[in-house]
């Protein structure tokens, strides 16, 4: 496992969570308003963006688990 690559992927996951999770959480169903076509379109775009980024992050996580640690950088 490459711990640095794993940490980088985890950091990306946290950043994705901070940016988009609040947009795709289930909203209160008690509202009597009918969603607009634009609202539904925006919601689908947010979910699509979230899924694509999540797929990329999971791919990076799996690669980090299957790879060797990076070689240490030479010091001065």
Protein backbone atom coordinates (compact mmCIF):
# COMPACT_ATOMS: atom_id res chain seq x y z
CA UNK A 1 0.00 0.00 0.00
CA UNK A 2 1.17 3.52 -0.79
CA UNK A 3 0.24 5.52 2.33
CA UNK A 4 0.76 8.93 0.72
CA UNK A 5 -1.42 8.07 -2.25
CA UNK A 6 -4.05 6.71 0.13
CA UNK A 7 -3.95 9.89 2.22
CA UNK A 8 -4.26 12.06 -0.90
CA UNK A 9 -7.33 10.11 -2.03
CA UNK A 10 -8.84 10.35 1.44
CA UNK A 11 -8.27 14.12 1.45
CA UNK A 12 -10.04 14.37 -1.92
CA UNK A 13 -12.94 12.38 -0.47
CA UNK A 14 -13.20 14.78 2.47
CA UNK A 15 -13.10 17.76 0.11
CA UNK A 16 -15.87 16.22 -2.03
CA UNK A 17 -17.95 15.69 1.09
CA UNK A 18 -17.47 19.30 2.19
CA UNK A 19 -18.37 20.67 -1.26
CA UNK A 20 -21.25 18.56 -2.49
CA UNK A 21 -22.84 16.28 0.11
CA UNK A 22 -25.13 19.02 1.41
CA UNK A 23 -26.43 19.53 -2.15
CA UNK A 24 -27.47 15.92 -2.65
CA UNK A 25 -28.86 15.09 0.78
CA UNK A 26 -32.51 14.25 0.85
CA UNK A 27 -34.57 17.33 1.43
CA UNK A 28 -37.59 17.59 3.70
CA UNK A 29 -40.52 15.82 2.04
CA UNK A 30 -43.05 17.87 4.01
CA UNK A 31 -42.89 20.69 1.49
CA UNK A 32 -46.01 21.21 -0.60
CA UNK A 33 -44.09 22.87 -3.42
CA UNK A 34 -43.76 21.09 -6.71
CA UNK A 35 -40.14 21.06 -7.88
CA UNK A 36 -39.42 23.10 -10.97
CA UNK A 37 -37.85 21.59 -14.04
CA UNK A 38 -34.78 23.76 -13.45
CA UNK A 39 -34.55 22.58 -9.84
CA UNK A 40 -34.72 18.94 -10.87
CA UNK A 41 -32.12 19.55 -13.59
CA UNK A 42 -29.77 21.23 -11.09
CA UNK A 43 -30.24 18.36 -8.62
CA UNK A 44 -29.44 15.76 -11.28
CA UNK A 45 -26.34 17.71 -12.28
CA UNK A 46 -25.17 17.80 -8.64
CA UNK A 47 -25.72 14.06 -8.23
CA UNK A 48 -23.94 13.35 -11.52
CA UNK A 49 -20.94 15.48 -10.52
CA UNK A 50 -20.82 13.76 -7.13
CA UNK A 51 -20.91 10.29 -8.67
CA UNK A 52 -18.18 11.01 -11.22
CA UNK A 53 -15.84 12.50 -8.60
CA UNK A 54 -16.59 9.69 -6.15
CA UNK A 55 -15.77 7.11 -8.83
CA UNK A 56 -12.43 8.80 -9.52
CA UNK A 57 -11.58 8.93 -5.81
CA UNK A 58 -12.48 5.27 -5.27
CA UNK A 59 -10.35 4.33 -8.26
CA UNK A 60 -7.41 6.20 -6.71
CA UNK A 61 -8.04 4.51 -3.33
CA UNK A 62 -8.00 1.05 -4.90
CA UNK A 63 -4.80 1.85 -6.78
CA UNK A 64 -3.18 3.12 -3.58
CA UNK A 65 -4.00 -0.15 -1.84
CA UNK A 66 -2.44 -2.19 -4.63
CA UNK A 67 0.70 -0.13 -5.16
CA UNK A 68 4.06 -0.03 -3.45
CA UNK A 69 4.99 2.99 -1.34
CA UNK A 70 6.63 5.77 -3.30
CA UNK A 71 10.40 5.92 -3.04
CA UNK A 72 11.63 8.50 -0.53
CA UNK A 73 12.79 11.75 -2.07
CA UNK A 74 16.54 12.36 -1.80
CA UNK A 75 17.47 14.97 0.78
CA UNK A 76 19.74 17.98 0.24
